[in-house]
Amino acid sequence: MEIKNIIILGARGNVGTALIDELLKVPDQFTITAVSRTPSTYAAPAASNVTVKAVDYASLQSLTDGFAGQDAVVNCITGGATKYEPSVRIIDAAVAAGVKIFFANEFVGNVESEQFKRLPEAAAGAKVRVREYLARLAAEEKMAWTALNGGPFFDMWLMKGPAGFDVKNKQARIYGDGNNPLYWTPLPTIAVAAANILRNPSPALNRGIFICPFAPGSLNQNTLLAALETTLEAKFTVTHVDVRAINRAAKAALARGDEKKAMRGFAMSNQFYVGDCGNNFEGMTENEMCGVEEVSVQEAVREAVGRYGVDGGVVESMFRVEAEEI
């Protein structure tokens, strides 16, 4: 399958911006159209060949017209904003327009895991049901699909708090013993892998692709802490957190219908609790196929600190998660 004309949905977001930047490194390889909502103030990167097209996302016909003549639709809309009915409308428009392949907006987790499937759809998005719908269309030979999964964005989680580190104030929250293997991927690496799949989509058709640039078992909270202290030449104050209690509290919140608190707890335990972890990609990654090169934890930490700086602070609600608050 050859891809030339590409639609990007959610071009303003983190993934969309990173992917367009990556695709533009070979400016004449693809014809890129960024589809925005009507109205929108999105502007294409300066001096680029990216076309901006406004459509009515509530209209199947408007979407179908916007997708006409396109080979691929890449959905980079934020995961939490991925509602089922609007997603199906977008997908149906792609089918109606004769699009060859739909690139689902999974990116940050294993939607096949039981831990992901239990996440409240209102908070995590309808990715599981969207995947099922795409699989049915593929089985009926109406349109192919693919998806890329790299776990949480390494750089954003590290620098904004969810990884358990407040870089500005040199504080660390270690969940459990800090040794649970983590399968995270820096956002620029996600963009590289997605671009390479678009360049050679055939090996990725009708399945989810997993990547992680770190050697198996090399990334965990303890190796992150050591790398941060080396990079910053400073010691962190460490607090040990009972992640098992957070997991229990999240399950209780889910049972009583408090989806927001359940999501907050599962966001931590799905990564850090060895007894109920939903993001283990061991034996599943296909880095070579996607052109993903291995990186050391130390190098990735140094790049993230350089990109974000040390004074940005954290999102407190994502950094300080306590079982008694769930």
Protein backbone atom coordinates (compact mmCIF):
# COMPACT_ATOMS: atom_id res chain seq x y z
CA MET A 1 0.00 0.00 0.00
CA GLU A 2 1.34 3.43 -0.99
CA ILE A 3 0.43 6.56 0.93
CA LYS A 4 0.79 10.03 -0.55
CA ASN A 5 -2.09 12.22 0.63
CA ILE A 6 -2.51 12.42 4.41
CA ILE A 7 -5.17 14.01 6.60
CA ILE A 8 -4.14 14.96 10.14
CA LEU A 9 -6.91 15.38 12.72
CA GLY A 10 -5.94 17.22 15.90
CA ALA A 11 -3.00 18.97 14.27
CA ARG A 12 -2.83 21.54 17.08
CA GLY A 13 -2.30 18.91 19.81
CA ASN A 14 0.91 17.38 21.11
CA VAL A 15 0.89 14.33 18.82
CA GLY A 16 -0.39 16.18 15.77
CA THR A 17 2.22 18.93 16.09
CA ALA A 18 5.06 16.44 16.61
CA LEU A 19 3.93 14.26 13.69
CA ILE A 20 3.62 17.15 11.25
CA ASP A 21 7.07 18.40 12.25
CA GLU A 22 8.48 14.92 11.62
CA LEU A 23 6.74 14.49 8.26
CA LEU A 24 7.98 17.89 7.10
CA LYS A 25 11.59 16.74 7.50
CA VAL A 26 11.03 15.17 4.06
CA PRO A 27 8.83 17.97 2.69
CA ASP A 28 7.87 16.53 -0.70
CA GLN A 29 7.17 12.96 0.39
CA PHE A 30 3.56 13.57 1.45
CA THR A 31 0.79 16.01 0.72
CA ILE A 32 -0.45 16.94 4.19
CA THR A 33 -3.82 18.42 5.04
CA ALA A 34 -4.61 19.50 8.59
CA VAL A 35 -8.35 19.24 9.16
CA SER A 36 -9.67 21.62 11.78
CA ARG A 37 -13.10 22.22 13.23
CA THR A 38 -15.31 25.02 11.96
CA PRO A 39 -14.45 27.61 13.20
CA SER A 40 -10.76 27.26 14.05
CA THR A 41 -7.72 29.52 14.29
CA TYR A 42 -5.22 26.74 13.53
CA ALA A 43 -2.43 27.84 11.20
CA ALA A 44 -0.02 25.56 9.36
CA PRO A 45 3.70 25.74 10.16
CA ALA A 46 5.35 28.68 8.44
CA ALA A 47 6.80 28.02 4.97
CA SER A 48 5.35 24.51 4.90
CA ASN A 49 3.24 22.75 2.28
CA VAL A 50 0.56 21.86 4.84
CA THR A 51 -2.96 22.73 3.72
CA VAL A 52 -5.55 23.66 6.34
CA LYS A 53 -9.14 22.64 5.74
CA ALA A 54 -12.05 23.45 8.06
CA VAL A 55 -14.90 20.94 8.33
CA ASP A 56 -18.00 20.47 10.42
CA TYR A 57 -17.20 17.47 12.62
CA ALA A 58 -20.91 17.02 13.34
CA SER A 59 -21.66 16.49 9.63
CA LEU A 60 -20.91 13.19 7.91
CA GLN A 61 -21.12 14.91 4.54
CA SER A 62 -18.72 17.70 5.53
CA LEU A 63 -16.21 15.16 6.81
CA THR A 64 -16.59 12.98 3.71
CA ASP A 65 -16.00 15.98 1.45
CA GLY A 66 -12.96 16.94 3.52
CA PHE A 67 -11.48 13.45 3.21
CA ALA A 68 -12.00 13.15 -0.56
CA GLY A 69 -8.88 12.12 -2.45
CA GLN A 70 -6.96 11.18 0.70
CA ASP A 71 -5.01 7.96 1.23
CA ALA A 72 -4.75 8.09 5.02
CA VAL A 73 -6.53 9.75 7.92
CA VAL A 74 -4.36 10.06 11.02
CA ASN A 75 -6.37 10.76 14.15
CA CYS A 76 -4.33 12.76 16.66
CA ILE A 77 -7.30 14.04 18.65
CA THR A 78 -6.69 13.88 22.40
CA GLY A 79 -7.57 10.46 23.81
CA GLY A 80 -9.93 11.71 26.52
CA ALA A 81 -11.88 13.61 23.88
CA THR A 82 -12.38 10.45 21.82
CA LYS A 83 -16.11 9.83 22.14
CA TYR A 84 -17.61 6.86 20.35
CA GLU A 85 -20.33 8.35 18.16
CA PRO A 86 -18.21 11.27 16.85
CA SER A 87 -15.35 8.81 16.21
CA VAL A 88 -17.60 6.47 14.24
CA ARG A 89 -18.81 9.45 12.18
CA ILE A 90 -15.22 10.31 11.31
CA ILE A 91 -14.43 6.70 10.43
CA ASP A 92 -17.59 6.31 8.32
CA ALA A 93 -16.65 9.48 6.45
CA ALA A 94 -13.22 8.02 5.72
CA VAL A 95 -14.85 4.87 4.35
CA ALA A 96 -17.28 6.90 2.24
CA ALA A 97 -14.41 8.99 0.85
CA GLY A 98 -12.43 5.91 -0.17
CA VAL A 99 -9.58 6.42 2.31
CA LYS A 100 -7.16 3.48 2.29
CA ILE A 101 -6.09 3.43 5.93
CA PHE A 102 -7.25 4.96 9.21
CA PHE A 103 -4.56 5.60 11.86
CA ALA A 104 -6.30 5.37 15.24
CA ASN A 105 -5.39 7.71 18.09
CA GLU A 106 -4.26 5.15 20.67
CA PHE A 107 -0.59 6.13 21.17
CA VAL A 108 -0.31 6.00 24.98
CA GLY A 109 -1.53 2.61 26.16
CA ASN A 110 -2.37 -1.00 25.43
CA VAL A 111 -6.08 -0.95 24.63
CA GLU A 112 -6.03 -4.75 24.53
CA SER A 113 -5.18 -5.06 28.23
CA GLU A 114 -7.86 -5.74 30.83
CA GLN A 115 -6.56 -2.81 32.86
CA PHE A 116 -7.16 -0.40 29.99
CA LYS A 117 -10.58 -1.86 29.21
CA ARG A 118 -11.81 -1.18 32.75
CA LEU A 119 -10.92 2.53 32.58
CA PRO A 120 -14.01 4.76 32.56
CA GLU A 121 -14.74 5.67 28.96
CA ALA A 122 -15.79 9.16 29.99
CA ALA A 123 -12.23 9.84 31.13
CA ALA A 124 -10.08 7.55 28.98
CA GLY A 125 -12.03 7.88 25.75
CA ALA A 126 -13.73 5.24 23.63
CA LYS A 127 -10.54 3.77 22.20
CA VAL A 128 -11.51 0.17 22.97
CA ARG A 129 -14.84 0.37 21.15
CA VAL A 130 -13.31 2.38 18.31
CA ARG A 131 -10.68 -0.36 17.84
CA GLU A 132 -13.47 -2.97 17.69
CA TYR A 133 -15.33 -0.93 15.08
CA LEU A 134 -12.23 -0.54 12.93
CA ALA A 135 -11.56 -4.28 13.16
CA ARG A 136 -15.08 -5.01 11.88
CA LEU A 137 -14.60 -2.67 8.92
CA ALA A 138 -11.28 -4.30 8.08
CA ALA A 139 -12.84 -7.77 8.25
CA GLU A 140 -15.47 -6.55 5.78
CA GLU A 141 -12.64 -5.16 3.59
CA LYS A 142 -14.10 -1.65 3.75
CA MET A 143 -10.95 0.08 5.04
CA ALA A 144 -7.66 -0.86 6.66
CA TRP A 145 -6.50 0.56 9.98
CA THR A 146 -3.46 0.68 12.22
CA ALA A 147 -2.52 2.04 15.63
CA LEU A 148 0.68 2.91 17.45
CA ASN A 149 1.16 2.33 21.18
CA GLY A 150 4.20 3.59 23.05
CA GLY A 151 2.88 3.92 26.59
CA PRO A 152 2.74 7.30 28.34
CA PHE A 153 4.80 10.08 26.77
CA PHE A 154 8.09 9.75 28.63
CA ASP A 155 9.12 13.40 28.57
CA MET A 156 5.72 14.78 29.57
CA TRP A 157 5.21 12.27 32.38
CA LEU A 158 8.70 12.88 33.72
CA MET A 159 8.53 16.66 33.71
CA LYS A 160 4.85 17.29 34.56
CA GLY A 161 4.47 15.06 37.60
CA PRO A 162 2.79 11.72 36.80
CA ALA A 163 6.13 9.87 36.80
CA GLY A 164 6.46 10.77 40.49
CA PHE A 165 9.07 13.52 40.23
CA ASP A 166 8.95 17.24 40.97
CA VAL A 167 12.11 18.32 39.20
CA LYS A 168 11.89 21.95 40.27
CA ASN A 169 11.68 21.14 44.00
CA LYS A 170 13.80 17.95 43.85
CA GLN A 171 11.08 15.70 45.26
CA ALA A 172 10.34 12.09 44.34
CA ARG A 173 7.33 9.91 45.07
CA ILE A 174 8.34 6.28 44.62
CA TYR A 175 5.35 3.97 44.16
CA GLY A 176 5.94 0.58 45.76
CA ASP A 177 9.58 -0.47 45.51
CA GLY A 178 10.17 1.61 42.37
CA ASN A 179 11.26 -1.42 40.34
CA ASN A 180 8.14 -2.09 38.26
CA PRO A 181 9.24 -2.02 34.58
CA LEU A 182 7.90 0.96 32.67
CA TYR A 183 7.19 1.06 28.94
CA TRP A 184 7.14 4.73 28.03
CA THR A 185 8.18 6.55 24.86
CA PRO A 186 9.27 10.18 24.31
CA LEU A 187 6.82 12.14 22.16
CA PRO A 188 9.39 12.82 19.39
CA THR A 189 9.99 9.06 19.11
CA ILE A 190 6.24 8.47 18.77
CA ALA A 191 6.29 10.93 15.86
CA VAL A 192 9.23 9.15 14.21
CA ALA A 193 7.50 5.78 14.49
CA ALA A 194 4.16 7.08 13.19
CA ALA A 195 5.85 8.76 10.22
CA ASN A 196 7.72 5.56 9.36
CA ILE A 197 4.50 3.53 9.51
CA LEU A 198 2.96 5.95 7.03
CA ARG A 199 5.99 5.52 4.77
CA ASN A 200 5.60 1.73 4.86
CA PRO A 201 2.15 0.85 6.17
CA SER A 202 1.81 -2.71 4.87
CA PRO A 203 3.51 -4.47 7.85
CA ALA A 204 1.25 -2.55 10.26
CA LEU A 205 -2.11 -3.11 8.61
CA ASN A 206 -5.09 -4.04 10.78
CA ARG A 207 -3.21 -4.36 14.06
CA GLY A 208 -1.74 -2.33 16.86
CA ILE A 209 2.01 -1.74 16.88
CA PHE A 210 3.95 -1.44 20.14
CA ILE A 211 7.21 0.43 20.63
CA CYS A 212 9.52 1.37 23.50
CA PRO A 213 13.02 2.78 22.95
CA PHE A 214 14.42 1.59 26.28
CA ALA A 215 16.13 -1.75 26.76
CA PRO A 216 13.79 -4.26 28.45
CA GLY A 217 13.81 -3.76 32.21
CA SER A 218 16.01 -0.67 32.11
CA LEU A 219 13.29 1.89 32.82
CA ASN A 220 11.68 2.13 36.24
CA GLN A 221 11.27 4.80 38.89
CA ASN A 222 14.57 3.97 40.55
CA THR A 223 16.57 4.30 37.33
CA LEU A 224 14.72 7.54 36.60
CA LEU A 225 15.61 8.89 40.04
CA ALA A 226 19.28 8.01 39.57
CA ALA A 227 19.35 9.61 36.13
CA LEU A 228 17.69 12.79 37.38
CA GLU A 229 20.08 13.13 40.29
CA THR A 230 23.04 12.64 37.93
CA THR A 231 21.72 15.09 35.35
CA LEU A 232 20.87 17.79 37.90
CA GLU A 233 23.78 17.03 40.24
CA ALA A 234 21.36 17.13 43.16
CA LYS A 235 19.74 14.71 45.60
CA PHE A 236 15.97 14.33 45.70
CA THR A 237 13.86 14.02 48.82
CA VAL A 238 12.14 10.64 48.48
CA THR A 239 8.69 9.68 49.75
CA HIS A 240 7.59 6.05 49.42
CA VAL A 241 3.95 5.56 48.44
CA ASP A 242 1.75 2.50 48.99
CA VAL A 243 0.67 1.88 45.39
CA ARG A 244 -1.31 -1.20 46.38
CA ALA A 245 -3.54 1.00 48.52
CA ILE A 246 -4.02 3.35 45.56
CA ASN A 247 -5.05 0.39 43.41
CA ARG A 248 -7.59 -0.77 46.00
CA ALA A 249 -8.99 2.75 46.35
CA ALA A 250 -9.30 3.12 42.56
CA LYS A 251 -11.25 -0.14 42.31
CA ALA A 252 -13.54 1.01 45.13
CA ALA A 253 -14.08 4.37 43.42
CA LEU A 254 -14.96 2.63 40.17
CA ALA A 255 -17.43 0.35 41.99
CA ARG A 256 -19.26 3.32 43.52
CA GLY A 257 -19.34 5.18 40.22
CA ASP A 258 -16.78 7.88 40.99
CA GLU A 259 -15.08 7.67 37.61
CA LYS A 260 -12.86 10.72 37.96
CA LYS A 261 -11.22 9.44 41.15
CA ALA A 262 -10.99 5.92 39.76
CA MET A 263 -9.17 7.20 36.69
CA ARG A 264 -6.72 9.17 38.82
CA GLY A 265 -5.86 6.09 40.88
CA PHE A 266 -5.61 3.72 37.95
CA ALA A 267 -3.32 6.16 36.13
CA MET A 268 -0.77 5.41 38.84
CA SER A 269 -1.40 1.74 39.61
CA ASN A 270 -1.57 0.75 35.92
CA GLN A 271 2.03 1.90 35.67
CA PHE A 272 3.62 1.27 39.03
CA TYR A 273 1.79 -1.60 40.75
CA VAL A 274 3.31 -4.94 39.83
CA GLY A 275 0.20 -6.76 41.04
CA ASP A 276 -2.15 -5.07 38.55
CA CYS A 277 -0.14 -3.36 35.82
CA GLY A 278 -1.72 -2.83 32.44
CA ASN A 279 1.18 -1.40 30.48
CA ASN A 280 3.74 -4.17 30.14
CA PHE A 281 4.96 -4.40 26.53
CA GLU A 282 7.51 -7.15 27.17
CA GLY A 283 7.98 -9.22 24.03
CA MET A 284 5.52 -7.05 22.09
CA THR A 285 7.63 -4.19 20.73
CA GLU A 286 8.53 -3.80 17.05
CA ASN A 287 11.05 -1.00 17.24
CA GLU A 288 13.06 -1.96 14.18
CA MET A 289 10.02 -2.00 11.90
CA CYS A 290 9.20 1.57 12.99
CA GLY A 291 12.75 2.91 12.87
CA VAL A 292 12.89 3.36 16.65
CA GLU A 293 16.44 3.36 18.01
CA GLU A 294 17.31 2.34 21.55
CA VAL A 295 18.10 5.12 24.01
CA SER A 296 19.49 5.00 27.53
CA VAL A 297 17.47 6.25 30.48
CA GLN A 298 20.19 8.78 31.23
CA GLU A 299 20.14 10.19 27.71
CA ALA A 300 16.34 10.42 27.63
CA VAL A 301 16.24 12.20 30.99
CA ARG A 302 18.90 14.66 29.88
CA GLU A 303 16.94 15.43 26.69
CA ALA A 304 13.65 15.88 28.58
CA VAL A 305 15.22 18.24 31.11
CA GLY A 306 16.83 20.19 28.30
CA ARG A 307 13.53 20.47 26.44
CA TYR A 308 11.33 21.46 29.39
CA GLY A 309 13.80 23.17 31.72
CA VAL A 310 13.84 22.71 35.49
CA ASP A 311 11.58 25.58 36.57
CA GLY A 312 8.27 24.62 35.01
CA GLY A 313 6.86 22.83 38.01
CA VAL A 314 4.37 19.96 38.03
CA VAL A 315 0.63 19.48 37.73
CA GLU A 316 0.02 18.89 41.43
CA SER A 317 -3.02 16.65 40.98
CA MET A 318 -0.98 14.34 38.75
CA PHE A 319 2.08 14.36 41.00
CA ARG A 320 0.60 13.94 44.47
CA VAL A 321 -1.84 11.01 44.32
CA GLU A 322 -2.92 9.63 47.71
CA ALA A 323 -5.08 6.56 48.34
CA GLU A 324 -7.18 8.35 50.96
CA GLU A 325 -8.14 11.03 48.39
CA ILE A 326 -9.46 8.54 45.86
